[in-house]
Amino acid sequence: MNSVDFEIALIGTGILGKSIGKKLLFDKYKLGVWNRTYKKCEELIDEGAQRIESIEEITDNFKVIITVLKDGESTRKIIKRIPNIEDKVIIQMGTVGGLESTSIEKLIKNKGGYYLEAPVLGSVNEALNGKLIIMIGGEQKVFNKYKFIFKSLSENFLFLGDVSKAASAKLSLNFLIASLTYSFSIVLRYLEGKNINIENYMSLLRGSSVYAKTFDKKMVQMINNNHSKANFNIANLTKDIDLFTSEVKELDIDPSIIEELNLFLSSHKKFDIGNFDYSSLHLLTKKIISLY
């Protein structure tokens, strides 16, 4: 099976969803698109996608439905509205919790469909270049049948088995994003307070085993307090760490520091910066917060 004449419905065309849609169009899939806000579909329609007028009108020719929605609740609500998913496969590519993923799978199976949990690490550039990192869960035979779709989007995807494992793997990666970015913010403020040249320090750090690429990726934004251009905003990161915290509490893990990080991230709500890039957590590590 290949992309030629294969029809996919894409539900959710925000920053990530739109980029996934562009790559699918580039690879010659026939693509139908829907988003609650029509304006977010316009660019894909201009590039050749078909407009899906309403969720209730998704036609039977779409054998695969990809959802890239805000959270598990939004995904469940949308799936409930689709009139017929019998023998279709739903590929969920947003970030939800392990328990939520299991619940969505049950809903889809009860409606006669198949489910693949497939959250991603990466954003616009990675999606456009087919270099997303994708964690996949579901039935092996379903994954094998639709593996060609993942090959369009990723050079690095991994089938993990149970859907909850894919969702949990993604949450753990987002926890690393949050904890590394927080730690680096503290280090930058410490260096500034001690009047240590940051670039000299970075030359040492880059040669060490504790270096992470995200440090250089976010350093300029943090130093310049320029967080307005977001591929992954702080509100979504906070949502994911809240899910991670809830699931950690069910395991034999001390949650105390994780809970503190969760509370710290949630404080962004006081300052109306939810749509800022997650590097904006650097604003929150200063005693007296100034957004400008």
C-alpha atoms as a PDB file:
ATOM      1  CA  MET A   1       0.000   0.000   0.000  1.00  0.00           C
ATOM      2  CA  ASN A   2       1.240   3.523  -0.744  1.00  0.00           C
ATOM      3  CA  SER A   3       0.096   7.120  -0.639  1.00  0.00           C
ATOM      4  CA  VAL A   4      -1.223   7.373  -4.200  1.00  0.00           C
ATOM      5  CA  ASP A   5      -5.007   7.846  -4.064  1.00  0.00           C
ATOM      6  CA  PHE A   6      -5.089   6.911  -0.369  1.00  0.00           C
ATOM      7  CA  GLU A   7      -7.520   9.173   1.465  1.00  0.00           C
ATOM      8  CA  ILE A   8      -6.939  10.498   4.980  1.00  0.00           C
ATOM      9  CA  ALA A   9      -9.132  12.782   7.086  1.00  0.00           C
ATOM     10  CA  LEU A  10      -7.100  15.125   9.285  1.00  0.00           C
ATOM     11  CA  ILE A  11      -8.967  16.471  12.317  1.00  0.00           C
ATOM     12  CA  GLY A  12      -7.191  19.359  14.016  1.00  0.00           C
ATOM     13  CA  THR A  13      -5.037  21.737  11.982  1.00  0.00           C
ATOM     14  CA  GLY A  14      -3.226  23.768  14.599  1.00  0.00           C
ATOM     15  CA  ILE A  15       0.530  24.271  14.439  1.00  0.00           C
ATOM     16  CA  LEU A  16       1.424  20.568  14.473  1.00  0.00           C
ATOM     17  CA  GLY A  17      -1.639  19.310  12.607  1.00  0.00           C
ATOM     18  CA  LYS A  18      -1.161  21.749   9.738  1.00  0.00           C
ATOM     19  CA  SER A  19       2.491  20.739   9.374  1.00  0.00           C
ATOM     20  CA  ILE A  20       1.549  17.044   9.325  1.00  0.00           C
ATOM     21  CA  GLY A  21      -1.079  17.858   6.691  1.00  0.00           C
ATOM     22  CA  LYS A  22       1.458  19.646   4.493  1.00  0.00           C
ATOM     23  CA  LYS A  23       3.789  16.653   4.577  1.00  0.00           C
ATOM     24  CA  LEU A  24       0.947  14.266   3.678  1.00  0.00           C
ATOM     25  CA  LEU A  25      -0.041  16.474   0.740  1.00  0.00           C
ATOM     26  CA  PHE A  26       3.596  16.623  -0.378  1.00  0.00           C
ATOM     27  CA  ASP A  27       3.636  12.816  -0.349  1.00  0.00           C
ATOM     28  CA  LYS A  28       0.527  12.750  -2.600  1.00  0.00           C
ATOM     29  CA  TYR A  29      -2.078  11.584  -0.113  1.00  0.00           C
ATOM     30  CA  LYS A  30      -5.619  12.742  -0.782  1.00  0.00           C
ATOM     31  CA  LEU A  31      -6.370  14.743   2.323  1.00  0.00           C
ATOM     32  CA  GLY A  32      -9.602  15.969   3.875  1.00  0.00           C
ATOM     33  CA  VAL A  33      -9.281  18.531   6.675  1.00  0.00           C
ATOM     34  CA  TRP A  34     -11.465  19.818   9.491  1.00  0.00           C
ATOM     35  CA  ASN A  35     -10.832  22.230  12.320  1.00  0.00           C
ATOM     36  CA  ARG A  36     -13.226  23.931  14.703  1.00  0.00           C
ATOM     37  CA  THR A  37     -11.830  27.248  13.429  1.00  0.00           C
ATOM     38  CA  TYR A  38     -12.097  27.095   9.632  1.00  0.00           C
ATOM     39  CA  LYS A  39      -9.386  29.719   9.112  1.00  0.00           C
ATOM     40  CA  LYS A  40      -6.808  27.206  10.359  1.00  0.00           C
ATOM     41  CA  CYS A  41      -7.723  24.911   7.450  1.00  0.00           C
ATOM     42  CA  GLU A  42      -7.445  27.499   4.699  1.00  0.00           C
ATOM     43  CA  GLU A  43      -3.737  27.087   3.974  1.00  0.00           C
ATOM     44  CA  LEU A  44      -4.059  23.321   3.556  1.00  0.00           C
ATOM     45  CA  ILE A  45      -7.135  23.749   1.346  1.00  0.00           C
ATOM     46  CA  ASP A  46      -5.208  26.216  -0.808  1.00  0.00           C
ATOM     47  CA  GLU A  47      -2.526  23.550  -1.184  1.00  0.00           C
ATOM     48  CA  GLY A  48      -4.997  20.923  -2.363  1.00  0.00           C
ATOM     49  CA  ALA A  49      -6.762  19.469   0.665  1.00  0.00           C
ATOM     50  CA  GLN A  50     -10.513  18.875   0.604  1.00  0.00           C
ATOM     51  CA  ARG A  51     -12.617  20.726   3.141  1.00  0.00           C
ATOM     52  CA  ILE A  52     -14.663  18.521   5.463  1.00  0.00           C
ATOM     53  CA  GLU A  53     -17.725  20.643   6.215  1.00  0.00           C
ATOM     54  CA  SER A  54     -18.557  18.950   9.515  1.00  0.00           C
ATOM     55  CA  ILE A  55     -17.460  15.994  11.628  1.00  0.00           C
ATOM     56  CA  GLU A  56     -20.833  14.387  10.983  1.00  0.00           C
ATOM     57  CA  GLU A  57     -20.133  14.409   7.225  1.00  0.00           C
ATOM     58  CA  ILE A  58     -16.865  12.467   7.149  1.00  0.00           C
ATOM     59  CA  THR A  59     -17.467  10.116   4.249  1.00  0.00           C
ATOM     60  CA  ASP A  60     -16.680   6.400   4.054  1.00  0.00           C
ATOM     61  CA  ASN A  61     -13.898   6.937   1.516  1.00  0.00           C
ATOM     62  CA  PHE A  62     -11.686   8.161   4.381  1.00  0.00           C
ATOM     63  CA  LYS A  63     -10.331   4.886   5.754  1.00  0.00           C
ATOM     64  CA  VAL A  64      -7.880   6.627   8.094  1.00  0.00           C
ATOM     65  CA  ILE A  65      -8.703   9.519  10.410  1.00  0.00           C
ATOM     66  CA  ILE A  66      -5.787  11.331  12.060  1.00  0.00           C
ATOM     67  CA  THR A  67      -6.598  13.485  15.091  1.00  0.00           C
ATOM     68  CA  VAL A  68      -4.239  16.173  16.382  1.00  0.00           C
ATOM     69  CA  LEU A  69      -6.330  17.777  19.094  1.00  0.00           C
ATOM     70  CA  LYS A  70      -5.695  19.592  22.360  1.00  0.00           C
ATOM     71  CA  ASP A  71      -6.310  16.755  24.804  1.00  0.00           C
ATOM     72  CA  GLY A  72      -8.031  13.459  25.465  1.00  0.00           C
ATOM     73  CA  GLU A  73     -11.398  15.001  26.273  1.00  0.00           C
ATOM     74  CA  SER A  74     -11.507  16.921  22.981  1.00  0.00           C
ATOM     75  CA  THR A  75     -10.501  13.780  21.095  1.00  0.00           C
ATOM     76  CA  ARG A  76     -13.229  11.663  22.707  1.00  0.00           C
ATOM     77  CA  LYS A  77     -15.880  14.278  21.959  1.00  0.00           C
ATOM     78  CA  ILE A  78     -14.887  14.440  18.293  1.00  0.00           C
ATOM     79  CA  ILE A  79     -14.786  10.657  17.886  1.00  0.00           C
ATOM     80  CA  LYS A  80     -18.265  10.353  19.380  1.00  0.00           C
ATOM     81  CA  ARG A  81     -19.550  12.713  16.670  1.00  0.00           C
ATOM     82  CA  ILE A  82     -18.177  10.693  13.751  1.00  0.00           C
ATOM     83  CA  PRO A  83     -21.200   8.714  12.477  1.00  0.00           C
ATOM     84  CA  ASN A  84     -19.400   5.656  11.123  1.00  0.00           C
ATOM     85  CA  ILE A  85     -15.906   4.485  12.023  1.00  0.00           C
ATOM     86  CA  GLU A  86     -16.516   0.783  11.490  1.00  0.00           C
ATOM     87  CA  ASP A  87     -13.397  -0.764   9.917  1.00  0.00           C
ATOM     88  CA  LYS A  88     -11.662   2.650   9.929  1.00  0.00           C
ATOM     89  CA  VAL A  89      -8.484   3.355  11.864  1.00  0.00           C
ATOM     90  CA  ILE A  90      -8.165   6.400  14.108  1.00  0.00           C
ATOM     91  CA  ILE A  91      -4.567   7.584  14.569  1.00  0.00           C
ATOM     92  CA  GLN A  92      -4.321   9.870  17.588  1.00  0.00           C
ATOM     93  CA  MET A  93      -1.234  12.110  17.353  1.00  0.00           C
ATOM     94  CA  GLY A  94      -1.813  14.608  20.153  1.00  0.00           C
ATOM     95  CA  THR A  95      -0.598  14.158  23.730  1.00  0.00           C
ATOM     96  CA  VAL A  96      -2.954  12.394  26.126  1.00  0.00           C
ATOM     97  CA  GLY A  97      -2.442  10.351  29.278  1.00  0.00           C
ATOM     98  CA  GLY A  98      -2.100   6.585  29.347  1.00  0.00           C
ATOM     99  CA  LEU A  99      -5.504   6.135  30.996  1.00  0.00           C
ATOM    100  CA  GLU A 100      -7.098   8.525  28.505  1.00  0.00           C
ATOM    101  CA  SER A 101      -5.589   6.589  25.611  1.00  0.00           C
ATOM    102  CA  THR A 102      -7.041   3.324  26.911  1.00  0.00           C
ATOM    103  CA  SER A 103     -10.445   4.985  27.249  1.00  0.00           C
ATOM    104  CA  ILE A 104     -10.302   6.300  23.664  1.00  0.00           C
ATOM    105  CA  GLU A 105      -9.308   2.869  22.375  1.00  0.00           C
ATOM    106  CA  LYS A 106     -12.306   1.296  24.124  1.00  0.00           C
ATOM    107  CA  LEU A 107     -14.657   3.894  22.614  1.00  0.00           C
ATOM    108  CA  ILE A 108     -13.336   3.257  19.102  1.00  0.00           C
ATOM    109  CA  LYS A 109     -13.463  -0.524  19.405  1.00  0.00           C
ATOM    110  CA  ASN A 110     -17.056  -0.309  20.644  1.00  0.00           C
ATOM    111  CA  LYS A 111     -17.874   1.577  17.437  1.00  0.00           C
ATOM    112  CA  GLY A 112     -16.204  -1.102  15.302  1.00  0.00           C
ATOM    113  CA  GLY A 113     -13.032   0.817  14.507  1.00  0.00           C
ATOM    114  CA  TYR A 114      -9.313   0.399  15.119  1.00  0.00           C
ATOM    115  CA  TYR A 115      -7.040   2.652  17.132  1.00  0.00           C
ATOM    116  CA  LEU A 116      -3.388   3.601  16.980  1.00  0.00           C
ATOM    117  CA  GLU A 117      -1.969   5.898  19.637  1.00  0.00           C
ATOM    118  CA  ALA A 118       0.851   7.844  17.964  1.00  0.00           C
ATOM    119  CA  PRO A 119       2.045  10.932  19.873  1.00  0.00           C
ATOM    120  CA  VAL A 120       5.042  12.758  18.460  1.00  0.00           C
ATOM    121  CA  LEU A 121       8.138  14.579  19.596  1.00  0.00           C
ATOM    122  CA  GLY A 122       8.934  17.476  17.301  1.00  0.00           C
ATOM    123  CA  SER A 123       7.029  20.307  15.712  1.00  0.00           C
ATOM    124  CA  VAL A 124       6.836  22.260  12.458  1.00  0.00           C
ATOM    125  CA  ASN A 125      10.263  21.670  10.908  1.00  0.00           C
ATOM    126  CA  GLU A 126      10.373  18.020  11.921  1.00  0.00           C
ATOM    127  CA  ALA A 127       6.882  17.377  10.535  1.00  0.00           C
ATOM    128  CA  LEU A 128       7.574  19.126   7.225  1.00  0.00           C
ATOM    129  CA  ASN A 129      10.808  17.190   6.763  1.00  0.00           C
ATOM    130  CA  GLY A 130       9.401  13.815   7.803  1.00  0.00           C
ATOM    131  CA  LYS A 131      11.576  13.690  10.907  1.00  0.00           C
ATOM    132  CA  LEU A 132       9.082  13.516  13.762  1.00  0.00           C
ATOM    133  CA  ILE A 133       9.836  11.014  16.510  1.00  0.00           C
ATOM    134  CA  ILE A 134       6.680   8.906  16.869  1.00  0.00           C
ATOM    135  CA  MET A 135       5.731   6.496  19.658  1.00  0.00           C
ATOM    136  CA  ILE A 136       3.055   4.058  18.506  1.00  0.00           C
ATOM    137  CA  GLY A 137       0.691   1.785  20.402  1.00  0.00           C
ATOM    138  CA  GLY A 138      -2.155  -0.473  19.327  1.00  0.00           C
ATOM    139  CA  GLU A 139      -2.652  -3.823  17.643  1.00  0.00           C
ATOM    140  CA  GLN A 140       0.428  -5.097  15.813  1.00  0.00           C
ATOM    141  CA  LYS A 141      -1.516  -6.062  12.676  1.00  0.00           C
ATOM    142  CA  VAL A 142      -3.082  -2.595  12.440  1.00  0.00           C
ATOM    143  CA  PHE A 143       0.306  -0.942  12.860  1.00  0.00           C
ATOM    144  CA  ASN A 144       1.810  -3.182  10.183  1.00  0.00           C
ATOM    145  CA  LYS A 145      -0.989  -2.339   7.756  1.00  0.00           C
ATOM    146  CA  TYR A 146      -0.594   1.417   8.130  1.00  0.00           C
ATOM    147  CA  LYS A 147       3.146   1.651   8.737  1.00  0.00           C
ATOM    148  CA  PHE A 148       3.535   3.414   5.368  1.00  0.00           C
ATOM    149  CA  ILE A 149       1.824   6.508   6.804  1.00  0.00           C
ATOM    150  CA  PHE A 150       4.343   6.740   9.632  1.00  0.00           C
ATOM    151  CA  LYS A 151       7.169   6.370   7.119  1.00  0.00           C
ATOM    152  CA  SER A 152       5.955   9.580   5.480  1.00  0.00           C
ATOM    153  CA  LEU A 153       6.179  11.469   8.751  1.00  0.00           C
ATOM    154  CA  SER A 154       9.146   9.943  10.503  1.00  0.00           C
ATOM    155  CA  GLU A 155      12.544   8.349  10.135  1.00  0.00           C
ATOM    156  CA  ASN A 156      12.388   7.344  13.792  1.00  0.00           C
ATOM    157  CA  PHE A 157       9.194   5.665  14.955  1.00  0.00           C
ATOM    158  CA  LEU A 158       8.829   2.897  17.481  1.00  0.00           C
ATOM    159  CA  PHE A 159       5.990   0.439  18.046  1.00  0.00           C
ATOM    160  CA  LEU A 160       5.575  -0.091  21.795  1.00  0.00           C
ATOM    161  CA  GLY A 161       2.561  -2.420  21.949  1.00  0.00           C
ATOM    162  CA  ASP A 162      -0.220  -1.335  24.286  1.00  0.00           C
ATOM    163  CA  VAL A 163      -1.656   2.122  23.541  1.00  0.00           C
ATOM    164  CA  SER A 164      -1.026   3.345  27.083  1.00  0.00           C
ATOM    165  CA  LYS A 165       2.712   2.687  26.670  1.00  0.00           C
ATOM    166  CA  ALA A 166       2.921   5.057  23.702  1.00  0.00           C
ATOM    167  CA  ALA A 167       1.040   7.771  25.582  1.00  0.00           C
ATOM    168  CA  SER A 168       3.170   7.290  28.700  1.00  0.00           C
ATOM    169  CA  ALA A 169       6.416   7.414  26.709  1.00  0.00           C
ATOM    170  CA  LYS A 170       5.377  10.788  25.268  1.00  0.00           C
ATOM    171  CA  LEU A 171       4.460  12.183  28.686  1.00  0.00           C
ATOM    172  CA  SER A 172       7.864  11.136  30.020  1.00  0.00           C
ATOM    173  CA  LEU A 173       9.609  12.977  27.173  1.00  0.00           C
ATOM    174  CA  ASN A 174       7.589  16.114  27.875  1.00  0.00           C
ATOM    175  CA  PHE A 175       8.574  15.875  31.536  1.00  0.00           C
ATOM    176  CA  LEU A 176      12.212  15.895  30.419  1.00  0.00           C
ATOM    177  CA  ILE A 177      11.483  18.967  28.278  1.00  0.00           C
ATOM    178  CA  ALA A 178      10.003  20.762  31.290  1.00  0.00           C
ATOM    179  CA  SER A 179      12.650  19.718  33.811  1.00  0.00           C
ATOM    180  CA  LEU A 180      15.616  20.417  31.510  1.00  0.00           C
ATOM    181  CA  THR A 181      14.236  23.806  30.468  1.00  0.00           C
ATOM    182  CA  TYR A 182      13.533  24.756  34.090  1.00  0.00           C
ATOM    183  CA  SER A 183      17.014  23.664  35.202  1.00  0.00           C
ATOM    184  CA  PHE A 184      18.657  25.610  32.376  1.00  0.00           C
ATOM    185  CA  SER A 185      16.673  28.719  33.265  1.00  0.00           C
ATOM    186  CA  ILE A 186      17.937  28.523  36.853  1.00  0.00           C
ATOM    187  CA  VAL A 187      21.516  28.085  35.600  1.00  0.00           C
ATOM    188  CA  LEU A 188      21.238  31.118  33.296  1.00  0.00           C
ATOM    189  CA  ARG A 189      19.960  33.287  36.142  1.00  0.00           C
ATOM    190  CA  TYR A 190      22.710  31.978  38.427  1.00  0.00           C
ATOM    191  CA  LEU A 191      25.423  32.753  35.851  1.00  0.00           C
ATOM    192  CA  GLU A 192      23.976  36.216  35.373  1.00  0.00           C
ATOM    193  CA  GLY A 193      23.953  36.800  39.138  1.00  0.00           C
ATOM    194  CA  LYS A 194      27.581  35.643  39.431  1.00  0.00           C
ATOM    195  CA  ASN A 195      28.632  37.741  36.405  1.00  0.00           C
ATOM    196  CA  ILE A 196      29.945  34.699  34.494  1.00  0.00           C
ATOM    197  CA  ASN A 197      30.148  34.994  30.703  1.00  0.00           C
ATOM    198  CA  ILE A 198      27.401  32.751  29.366  1.00  0.00           C
ATOM    199  CA  GLU A 199      29.040  31.895  26.047  1.00  0.00           C
ATOM    200  CA  ASN A 200      32.270  30.900  27.764  1.00  0.00           C
ATOM    201  CA  TYR A 201      30.246  28.700  30.083  1.00  0.00           C
ATOM    202  CA  MET A 202      28.357  27.177  27.125  1.00  0.00           C
ATOM    203  CA  SER A 203      31.645  26.257  25.432  1.00  0.00           C
ATOM    204  CA  LEU A 204      32.414  24.126  28.489  1.00  0.00           C
ATOM    205  CA  LEU A 205      28.918  22.697  28.731  1.00  0.00           C
ATOM    206  CA  ARG A 206      28.756  21.674  25.057  1.00  0.00           C
ATOM    207  CA  GLY A 207      31.770  19.432  25.532  1.00  0.00           C
ATOM    208  CA  SER A 208      30.343  17.692  28.573  1.00  0.00           C
ATOM    209  CA  SER A 209      28.089  14.665  29.051  1.00  0.00           C
ATOM    210  CA  VAL A 210      25.380  16.818  30.690  1.00  0.00           C
ATOM    211  CA  TYR A 211      24.817  18.959  27.583  1.00  0.00           C
ATOM    212  CA  ALA A 212      21.388  18.789  25.921  1.00  0.00           C
ATOM    213  CA  LYS A 213      20.539  20.313  22.539  1.00  0.00           C
ATOM    214  CA  THR A 214      17.527  22.048  24.047  1.00  0.00           C
ATOM    215  CA  PHE A 215      19.888  24.364  25.964  1.00  0.00           C
ATOM    216  CA  ASP A 216      21.159  26.016  22.790  1.00  0.00           C
ATOM    217  CA  LYS A 217      17.713  25.774  21.206  1.00  0.00           C
ATOM    218  CA  LYS A 218      16.143  27.914  23.936  1.00  0.00           C
ATOM    219  CA  MET A 219      19.055  30.026  25.187  1.00  0.00           C
ATOM    220  CA  VAL A 220      18.592  33.016  22.872  1.00  0.00           C
ATOM    221  CA  GLN A 221      14.867  33.208  23.586  1.00  0.00           C
ATOM    222  CA  MET A 222      15.542  33.146  27.321  1.00  0.00           C
ATOM    223  CA  ILE A 223      18.310  35.737  27.271  1.00  0.00           C
ATOM    224  CA  ASN A 224      16.285  38.101  25.054  1.00  0.00           C
ATOM    225  CA  ASN A 225      12.943  37.401  26.762  1.00  0.00           C
ATOM    226  CA  ASN A 226      11.456  36.722  23.328  1.00  0.00           C
ATOM    227  CA  HIS A 227       8.921  33.902  23.630  1.00  0.00           C
ATOM    228  CA  SER A 228       6.091  34.968  21.344  1.00  0.00           C
ATOM    229  CA  LYS A 229       6.825  32.532  18.489  1.00  0.00           C
ATOM    230  CA  ALA A 230       5.672  29.179  19.812  1.00  0.00           C
ATOM    231  CA  ASN A 231       5.738  25.745  18.206  1.00  0.00           C
ATOM    232  CA  PHE A 232       4.888  24.255  21.608  1.00  0.00           C
ATOM    233  CA  ASN A 233       3.401  26.693  24.099  1.00  0.00           C
ATOM    234  CA  ILE A 234       3.673  26.753  27.865  1.00  0.00           C
ATOM    235  CA  ALA A 235      -0.051  26.068  28.342  1.00  0.00           C
ATOM    236  CA  ASN A 236       0.227  22.752  26.492  1.00  0.00           C
ATOM    237  CA  LEU A 237       3.416  21.811  28.333  1.00  0.00           C
ATOM    238  CA  THR A 238       1.672  22.559  31.628  1.00  0.00           C
ATOM    239  CA  LYS A 239      -1.270  20.372  30.619  1.00  0.00           C
ATOM    240  CA  ASP A 240       1.072  17.494  29.843  1.00  0.00           C
ATOM    241  CA  ILE A 241       3.025  17.815  33.106  1.00  0.00           C
ATOM    242  CA  ASP A 242      -0.263  17.839  34.990  1.00  0.00           C
ATOM    243  CA  LEU A 243      -1.135  14.514  33.318  1.00  0.00           C
ATOM    244  CA  PHE A 244       2.343  13.166  34.061  1.00  0.00           C
ATOM    245  CA  THR A 245       2.032  14.176  37.727  1.00  0.00           C
ATOM    246  CA  SER A 246      -1.314  12.386  38.044  1.00  0.00           C
ATOM    247  CA  GLU A 247       0.087   9.178  36.596  1.00  0.00           C
ATOM    248  CA  VAL A 248       3.283   9.300  38.683  1.00  0.00           C
ATOM    249  CA  LYS A 249       1.138   9.342  41.842  1.00  0.00           C
ATOM    250  CA  GLU A 250      -0.189   5.902  40.938  1.00  0.00           C
ATOM    251  CA  LEU A 251       3.319   4.410  40.961  1.00  0.00           C
ATOM    252  CA  ASP A 252       5.978   3.752  43.591  1.00  0.00           C
ATOM    253  CA  ILE A 253       7.645   7.101  42.916  1.00  0.00           C
ATOM    254  CA  ASP A 254       8.095  10.065  45.259  1.00  0.00           C
ATOM    255  CA  PRO A 255       6.049  12.768  43.502  1.00  0.00           C
ATOM    256  CA  SER A 256       7.077  15.747  45.652  1.00  0.00           C
ATOM    257  CA  ILE A 257       9.521  17.489  43.271  1.00  0.00           C
ATOM    258  CA  ILE A 258       7.333  16.685  40.260  1.00  0.00           C
ATOM    259  CA  GLU A 259       4.361  18.273  42.039  1.00  0.00           C
ATOM    260  CA  GLU A 260       6.436  21.381  42.711  1.00  0.00           C
ATOM    261  CA  LEU A 261       7.374  21.640  39.024  1.00  0.00           C
ATOM    262  CA  ASN A 262       3.714  21.180  38.141  1.00  0.00           C
ATOM    263  CA  LEU A 263       2.685  24.030  40.455  1.00  0.00           C
ATOM    264  CA  PHE A 264       5.504  26.209  39.121  1.00  0.00           C
ATOM    265  CA  LEU A 265       4.402  25.746  35.502  1.00  0.00           C
ATOM    266  CA  SER A 266       0.758  26.349  36.392  1.00  0.00           C
ATOM    267  CA  SER A 267       1.710  29.803  37.680  1.00  0.00           C
ATOM    268  CA  HIS A 268       1.948  30.961  34.051  1.00  0.00           C
ATOM    269  CA  LYS A 269      -1.834  31.439  34.185  1.00  0.00           C
ATOM    270  CA  LYS A 270      -1.395  34.507  36.397  1.00  0.00           C
ATOM    271  CA  PHE A 271       0.468  36.337  33.636  1.00  0.00           C
ATOM    272  CA  ASP A 272      -1.509  35.566  30.467  1.00  0.00           C
ATOM    273  CA  ILE A 273       1.432  33.913  28.704  1.00  0.00           C
ATOM    274  CA  GLY A 274      -0.228  30.605  27.850  1.00  0.00           C
ATOM    275  CA  ASN A 275       0.366  31.045  24.114  1.00  0.00           C
ATOM    276  CA  PHE A 276       4.053  31.891  24.589  1.00  0.00           C
ATOM    277  CA  ASP A 277       6.691  29.293  23.764  1.00  0.00           C
ATOM    278  CA  TYR A 278       7.505  27.005  26.685  1.00  0.00           C
ATOM    279  CA  SER A 279      10.857  28.804  26.978  1.00  0.00           C
ATOM    280  CA  SER A 280       8.753  31.484  28.688  1.00  0.00           C
ATOM    281  CA  LEU A 281       9.007  29.495  31.896  1.00  0.00           C
ATOM    282  CA  HIS A 282      12.253  31.499  32.176  1.00  0.00           C
ATOM    283  CA  LEU A 283      10.054  34.484  32.997  1.00  0.00           C
ATOM    284  CA  LEU A 284       8.702  32.590  35.992  1.00  0.00           C
ATOM    285  CA  THR A 285      12.104  31.816  37.537  1.00  0.00           C
ATOM    286  CA  LYS A 286      12.722  35.478  38.342  1.00  0.00           C
ATOM    287  CA  LYS A 287      11.654  36.687  41.805  1.00  0.00           C
ATOM    288  CA  ILE A 288       9.976  39.810  40.431  1.00  0.00           C
ATOM    289  CA  ILE A 289       8.383  38.903  37.120  1.00  0.00           C
ATOM    290  CA  SER A 290       8.455  41.323  34.230  1.00  0.00           C
ATOM    291  CA  LEU A 291       7.102  40.216  30.872  1.00  0.00           C
ATOM    292  CA  TYR A 292       8.960  42.927  28.975  1.00  0.00           C
END
